[in-house]
Protein backbone atom coordinates (compact mmCIF):
# COMPACT_ATOMS: atom_id res chain seq x y z
CA UNK A 1 -37.13 75.80 -64.50
CA UNK A 2 -35.18 72.46 -64.45
CA UNK A 3 -31.43 72.54 -63.86
CA UNK A 4 -29.17 70.77 -66.40
CA UNK A 5 -27.70 67.44 -65.20
CA UNK A 6 -23.89 67.46 -64.84
CA UNK A 7 -21.10 65.72 -62.85
CA UNK A 8 -21.25 68.58 -60.37
CA UNK A 9 -24.97 67.99 -59.78
CA UNK A 10 -24.83 64.09 -59.69
CA UNK A 11 -22.79 62.73 -56.77
CA UNK A 12 -23.98 59.17 -57.46
CA UNK A 13 -22.33 59.20 -60.86
CA UNK A 14 -19.05 60.29 -59.27
CA UNK A 15 -19.21 57.42 -56.72
CA UNK A 16 -19.85 54.88 -59.44
CA UNK A 17 -16.92 56.16 -61.44
CA UNK A 18 -14.57 55.96 -58.44
CA UNK A 19 -15.71 52.43 -57.58
CA UNK A 20 -15.11 51.30 -61.12
CA UNK A 21 -11.63 52.77 -61.04
CA UNK A 22 -10.85 50.99 -57.76
CA UNK A 23 -12.03 47.67 -59.12
CA UNK A 24 -9.97 48.12 -62.23
CA UNK A 25 -6.88 48.89 -60.12
CA UNK A 26 -7.45 45.82 -57.95
CA UNK A 27 -7.77 43.66 -61.03
CA UNK A 28 -4.33 44.77 -62.09
CA UNK A 29 -2.69 43.57 -58.80
CA UNK A 30 -0.99 40.16 -58.94
CA UNK A 31 -2.82 37.33 -57.12
CA UNK A 32 -1.37 36.21 -53.72
CA UNK A 33 0.90 33.17 -53.97
CA UNK A 34 -0.74 30.26 -52.01
CA UNK A 35 2.63 28.58 -51.48
CA UNK A 36 4.11 31.76 -50.04
CA UNK A 37 1.15 32.10 -47.71
CA UNK A 38 1.52 28.54 -46.49
CA UNK A 39 5.25 29.01 -45.97
CA UNK A 40 4.69 32.17 -43.98
CA UNK A 41 2.07 30.47 -41.84
CA UNK A 42 4.35 27.48 -41.21
CA UNK A 43 7.21 29.78 -40.23
CA UNK A 44 4.95 31.63 -37.79
CA UNK A 45 3.85 28.35 -36.22
CA UNK A 46 7.43 27.12 -35.86
CA UNK A 47 8.36 30.40 -34.20
CA UNK A 48 5.50 30.05 -31.72
CA UNK A 49 6.43 26.40 -31.12
CA UNK A 50 10.06 27.36 -30.50
CA UNK A 51 8.96 29.91 -27.90
CA UNK A 52 6.96 27.21 -26.07
CA UNK A 53 9.88 24.80 -26.33
CA UNK A 54 12.15 27.40 -24.73
CA UNK A 55 9.76 27.64 -21.76
CA UNK A 56 9.76 23.85 -21.54
CA UNK A 57 13.58 23.76 -21.61
CA UNK A 58 13.84 26.29 -18.78
CA UNK A 59 11.48 24.38 -16.49
CA UNK A 60 13.06 21.02 -17.37
CA UNK A 61 16.54 22.33 -16.58
CA UNK A 62 15.27 23.65 -13.23
CA UNK A 63 13.67 20.30 -12.36
CA UNK A 64 10.18 21.82 -12.20
CA UNK A 65 8.61 18.68 -13.60
CA UNK A 66 4.94 19.67 -13.34
CA UNK A 67 5.55 23.01 -15.12
CA UNK A 68 7.77 21.37 -17.73
CA UNK A 69 5.06 18.79 -18.36
CA UNK A 70 2.43 21.52 -18.68
CA UNK A 71 4.47 23.50 -21.24
CA UNK A 72 5.21 20.32 -23.16
CA UNK A 73 1.55 19.31 -23.13
CA UNK A 74 0.51 22.65 -24.66
CA UNK A 75 3.25 22.51 -27.29
CA UNK A 76 2.38 19.00 -28.39
CA UNK A 77 -1.35 19.78 -28.43
CA UNK A 78 -1.09 23.01 -30.44
CA UNK A 79 1.87 22.21 -32.70
CA UNK A 80 2.11 18.41 -32.88
CA UNK A 81 3.97 18.39 -36.20
CA UNK A 82 6.51 21.08 -35.35
CA UNK A 83 10.24 20.50 -35.15
CA UNK A 84 10.13 21.78 -31.59
CA UNK A 85 7.60 19.12 -30.58
CA UNK A 86 9.78 16.41 -32.10
CA UNK A 87 12.87 17.77 -30.34
CA UNK A 88 11.40 17.69 -26.82
CA UNK A 89 9.57 14.37 -27.22
CA UNK A 90 11.93 12.28 -25.06
CA UNK A 91 12.37 14.96 -22.39
CA UNK A 92 8.62 15.59 -22.32
CA UNK A 93 8.01 11.92 -21.59
CA UNK A 94 10.63 12.05 -18.81
CA UNK A 95 9.13 15.21 -17.30
CA UNK A 96 5.64 13.69 -17.42
CA UNK A 97 6.80 10.56 -15.59
CA UNK A 98 8.64 12.55 -12.93
CA UNK A 99 5.70 14.92 -12.47
CA UNK A 100 3.43 11.95 -11.75
CA UNK A 101 5.98 10.50 -9.31
CA UNK A 102 6.32 13.88 -7.61
CA UNK A 103 2.57 14.27 -7.29
CA UNK A 104 2.20 10.76 -5.86
CA UNK A 105 5.00 11.36 -3.37
CA UNK A 106 3.32 14.56 -2.18
CA UNK A 107 0.00 12.73 -1.83
CA UNK A 108 1.53 9.99 0.29
CA UNK A 109 3.42 12.46 2.48
CA UNK A 110 0.14 14.26 3.19
CA UNK A 111 -1.39 11.02 4.54
CA UNK A 112 0.77 11.25 7.66
CA UNK A 113 -0.05 13.49 10.61
CA UNK A 114 2.68 14.48 13.06
CA UNK A 115 2.11 15.91 16.50
CA UNK A 116 4.22 17.28 19.31
CA UNK A 117 2.58 17.68 22.72
CA UNK A 118 4.13 18.82 26.00
CA UNK A 119 4.49 16.20 28.74
CA UNK A 120 5.99 17.96 31.71
CA UNK A 121 9.20 19.61 30.58
CA UNK A 122 9.52 17.31 27.55
CA UNK A 123 7.58 16.57 24.37
CA UNK A 124 5.54 13.60 23.25
CA UNK A 125 6.03 13.01 19.54
CA UNK A 126 3.77 10.94 17.29
CA UNK A 127 3.29 9.95 13.67
CA UNK A 128 -0.13 8.64 12.64
CA UNK A 129 -1.81 7.46 9.47
CA UNK A 130 -5.29 6.16 8.57
CA UNK A 131 -5.83 2.96 6.62
CA UNK A 132 -6.31 3.36 2.89
CA UNK A 133 -9.89 2.07 3.19
CA UNK A 134 -12.23 1.82 6.16
CA UNK A 135 -12.50 -1.60 7.78
CA UNK A 136 -15.59 -3.32 9.22
CA UNK A 137 -14.60 -4.22 12.77
CA UNK A 138 -17.95 -4.60 14.58
CA UNK A 139 -20.08 -6.61 12.15
CA UNK A 140 -21.69 -3.42 10.88
CA UNK A 141 -20.30 -0.35 9.11
CA UNK A 142 -16.69 -0.03 7.89
CA UNK A 143 -14.86 2.61 9.91
CA UNK A 144 -11.37 4.16 10.00
CA UNK A 145 -8.44 2.25 11.46
CA UNK A 146 -5.38 4.21 12.53
CA UNK A 147 -1.72 3.25 12.94
CA UNK A 148 0.22 5.36 15.44
CA UNK A 149 3.89 5.50 16.37
CA UNK A 150 4.45 7.34 19.65
CA UNK A 151 7.52 8.56 21.51
CA UNK A 152 6.47 9.30 25.09
CA UNK A 153 8.97 10.82 27.56
CA UNK A 154 7.88 8.47 30.37
CA UNK A 155 6.34 5.44 28.66
CA UNK A 156 8.90 5.13 25.90
CA UNK A 157 8.28 4.10 22.29
CA UNK A 158 5.14 2.31 21.16
CA UNK A 159 3.28 1.36 18.01
CA UNK A 160 -0.41 0.59 18.03
CA UNK A 161 -3.64 0.39 16.05
CA UNK A 162 -6.83 2.16 17.11
CA UNK A 163 -10.45 1.47 16.16
CA UNK A 164 -13.56 3.63 16.21
CA UNK A 165 -15.95 0.69 16.65
CA UNK A 166 -15.76 -2.96 17.60
CA UNK A 167 -12.73 -4.31 19.40
CA UNK A 168 -9.60 -6.40 19.03
CA UNK A 169 -9.63 -10.04 20.15
CA UNK A 170 -6.20 -9.69 21.72
CA UNK A 171 -6.69 -9.14 25.48
CA UNK A 172 -4.50 -12.07 26.48
CA UNK A 173 -2.02 -11.36 23.71
CA UNK A 174 -2.07 -12.47 20.07
CA UNK A 175 -0.04 -12.45 16.91
CA UNK A 176 -0.76 -10.27 13.91
CA UNK A 177 0.30 -10.63 10.29
CA UNK A 178 2.38 -7.76 8.92
CA UNK A 179 3.00 -7.56 5.17
CA UNK A 180 5.26 -5.13 3.34
CA UNK A 181 4.05 -4.37 -0.18
CA UNK A 182 3.61 -7.72 -1.97
CA UNK A 183 5.95 -9.67 0.30
CA UNK A 184 5.23 -12.61 2.56
CA UNK A 185 3.47 -11.81 5.86
CA UNK A 186 5.48 -12.01 9.05
CA UNK A 187 4.00 -12.73 12.47
CA UNK A 188 4.47 -10.16 15.22
CA UNK A 189 3.37 -10.23 18.86
CA UNK A 190 0.58 -7.86 19.89
CA UNK A 191 -1.57 -7.15 22.94
CA UNK A 192 -4.79 -5.33 23.87
CA UNK A 193 -4.51 -3.29 27.12
CA UNK A 194 -7.21 -4.09 29.66
CA UNK A 195 -8.65 -0.59 29.58
CA UNK A 196 -11.73 1.13 28.19
CA UNK A 197 -10.01 4.45 27.57
CA UNK A 198 -9.36 3.63 23.93
CA UNK A 199 -9.84 0.77 21.52
CA UNK A 200 -6.16 0.13 20.93
CA UNK A 201 -3.86 -2.82 20.25
CA UNK A 202 -0.09 -2.53 20.68
CA UNK A 203 2.36 -4.26 18.37
CA UNK A 204 5.16 -5.30 20.70
CA UNK A 205 8.15 -5.04 18.37
CA UNK A 206 7.58 -1.37 17.61
CA UNK A 207 11.16 -0.84 16.41
CA UNK A 208 10.82 -3.54 13.74
CA UNK A 209 7.45 -2.18 12.64
CA UNK A 210 8.88 1.34 12.37
CA UNK A 211 11.73 0.05 10.24
CA UNK A 212 9.31 -1.79 7.95
CA UNK A 213 7.14 1.33 7.61
CA UNK A 214 10.19 3.32 6.55
CA UNK A 215 11.03 0.80 3.81
CA UNK A 216 7.55 0.08 2.45
CA UNK A 217 5.11 1.67 0.08
CA UNK A 218 2.20 -0.17 1.69
CA UNK A 219 2.06 -1.87 5.07
CA UNK A 220 -0.77 -4.31 5.83
CA UNK A 221 -1.72 -5.51 9.31
CA UNK A 222 -4.04 -8.49 9.75
CA UNK A 223 -5.52 -8.61 13.27
CA UNK A 224 -8.14 -10.67 15.15
CA UNK A 225 -11.49 -8.96 15.73
CA UNK A 226 -13.79 -9.52 18.67
CA UNK A 227 -16.66 -9.69 16.19
CA UNK A 228 -15.07 -12.88 14.86
CA UNK A 229 -12.38 -13.73 12.35
CA UNK A 230 -9.61 -11.42 11.24
CA UNK A 231 -9.53 -8.04 9.52
CA UNK A 232 -6.81 -6.41 7.43
CA UNK A 233 -5.95 -2.72 7.44
CA UNK A 234 -3.75 -1.45 4.59
CA UNK A 235 -1.68 1.69 5.11
CA UNK A 236 0.06 3.69 2.37
CA UNK A 237 3.18 4.46 4.38
CA UNK A 238 5.55 5.48 1.56
CA UNK A 239 5.48 9.15 2.56
CA UNK A 240 6.75 8.62 6.12
CA UNK A 241 9.33 11.20 7.26
CA UNK A 242 11.52 9.31 9.79
CA UNK A 243 13.09 12.57 10.98
CA UNK A 244 9.80 13.47 12.69
CA UNK A 245 10.62 10.85 15.36
CA UNK A 246 14.39 11.24 15.58
CA UNK A 247 14.90 8.92 18.56
CA UNK A 248 13.43 6.02 16.57
CA UNK A 249 16.15 6.10 13.93
């Protein structure tokens, strides 16, 4: 015997009725205001931009140029049209410039190697740096050239170049050209010791060379090579710390 169809025996009909009621209720709700939505979104973006700008301000005030630059970079990239981005524009440019200068200074400082070695009861101090680019000194492969300032307890102060291959044409004495940055070269006396212990050439006026190194960004030394002609080694000396050889100052 078939059962009569009713609301109690037809769940599908109930679901359809509820869905229709929900749709009718939604249709009665007012539509969202596009302008209000845009305003709310803009306000949220300005708030986020202000938070980034505050981080930038803190690092800028502390002189942490690399961090200030990083915060400013993110702010400008994510919210380029914000009031906060416009406000920090000049300071962001300043922080970026100083961060680059700071990074370059750290790079040049790292080019120098300082050593302290015992000589009897005293210490031998030295400051050494490799040329910016390898130099061909034997008619074959370019190799490193090193500039060394040494304070020896017994032998005194000296400044000299060393090679890894080839030799200097300076056994009887010679003159080398020393140039500071883009200035005019000056001639300085030099000599090659008559020894096979090291391929080295001393620059006689070591005090003047040390002073030039402390004033320069780059220091170039043109020297005669046994392979023929002259060679030039360029040193980025701007990161020299004079305090490492206190007796030279």
